Amino acid sequence: MEAVDKLVKQGYPLELIKLALMYIKQDKFWSKNILSVKKLLEKNRDGIPYMVTIIQQMKDYKPVVAEL
């Protein structure tokens, strides 16, 4: 919970953190690369926090609806 507390202190609402974790869990790439909440506190090689990257991808996410 320490990582969640740090994210909240950085200004991320708890509900947004929960949504990000749900998004990570269902995403094929992120579910293999972000294995703990602590990773969201880190920055990628471009210096962008993973939390920011995830939020942006959530905004751009377009679910694919399969025809039945």
Protein backbone atom coordinates (compact mmCIF):
# COMPACT_ATOMS: atom_id res chain seq x y z
CA MET A 1 0.00 0.00 0.00
CA GLU A 2 3.01 2.29 0.30
CA ALA A 3 3.15 2.70 -3.48
CA VAL A 4 -0.56 3.56 -3.62
CA ASP A 5 -0.08 6.17 -0.89
CA LYS A 6 2.78 7.72 -2.88
CA LEU A 7 0.64 7.87 -6.03
CA VAL A 8 -2.16 9.55 -4.05
CA LYS A 9 0.35 12.06 -2.64
CA GLN A 10 1.47 12.78 -6.21
CA GLY A 11 -2.12 13.81 -6.97
CA TYR A 12 -3.65 10.70 -8.54
CA PRO A 13 -7.16 9.97 -7.23
CA LEU A 14 -7.57 6.51 -5.74
CA GLU A 15 -10.32 5.70 -8.26
CA LEU A 16 -7.96 6.50 -11.16
CA ILE A 17 -5.30 4.23 -9.66
CA LYS A 18 -7.87 1.42 -9.43
CA LEU A 19 -8.90 1.97 -13.07
CA ALA A 20 -5.26 1.95 -14.15
CA LEU A 21 -4.68 -1.35 -12.35
CA MET A 22 -7.75 -2.88 -14.01
CA TYR A 23 -6.52 -1.65 -17.41
CA ILE A 24 -3.06 -3.10 -16.78
CA LYS A 25 -4.55 -6.45 -15.78
CA GLN A 26 -6.53 -6.83 -19.03
CA ASP A 27 -3.82 -5.51 -21.38
CA LYS A 28 -1.58 -8.19 -22.93
CA PHE A 29 1.56 -6.03 -22.90
CA TRP A 30 1.20 -4.23 -19.58
CA SER A 31 0.04 -7.28 -17.65
CA LYS A 32 3.44 -8.84 -18.35
CA ASN A 33 5.50 -5.68 -17.77
CA ILE A 34 3.91 -4.05 -14.73
CA LEU A 35 3.82 -6.68 -12.02
CA SER A 36 3.48 -4.35 -9.02
CA VAL A 37 1.99 -0.99 -8.14
CA LYS A 38 5.50 0.20 -7.28
CA LYS A 39 6.40 0.06 -11.00
CA LEU A 40 3.87 2.86 -11.64
CA LEU A 41 6.11 5.18 -9.61
CA GLU A 42 9.05 4.56 -11.95
CA LYS A 43 9.81 6.35 -15.22
CA ASN A 44 10.32 4.80 -18.62
CA ARG A 45 13.46 5.38 -20.70
CA ASP A 46 11.98 8.65 -21.99
CA GLY A 47 11.61 9.93 -18.43
CA ILE A 48 7.82 9.64 -18.42
CA PRO A 49 6.25 8.02 -15.34
CA TYR A 50 4.53 4.74 -16.16
CA MET A 51 1.37 6.04 -14.48
CA VAL A 52 1.21 8.88 -17.03
CA THR A 53 1.77 6.42 -19.89
CA ILE A 54 -0.99 4.13 -18.64
CA ILE A 55 -3.45 7.01 -18.18
CA GLN A 56 -2.80 8.21 -21.74
CA GLN A 57 -3.31 4.73 -23.15
CA MET A 58 -6.53 4.39 -21.16
CA LYS A 59 -7.80 7.62 -22.77
CA ASP A 60 -6.88 6.35 -26.24
CA TYR A 61 -8.24 2.82 -25.64
CA LYS A 62 -10.85 1.67 -28.12
CA PRO A 63 -12.27 -1.76 -27.27
CA VAL A 64 -12.71 -4.17 -30.14
CA VAL A 65 -16.18 -5.58 -30.39
CA ALA A 66 -16.34 -8.97 -32.05
CA GLU A 67 -19.28 -9.81 -34.25
CA LEU A 68 -21.37 -12.70 -33.02
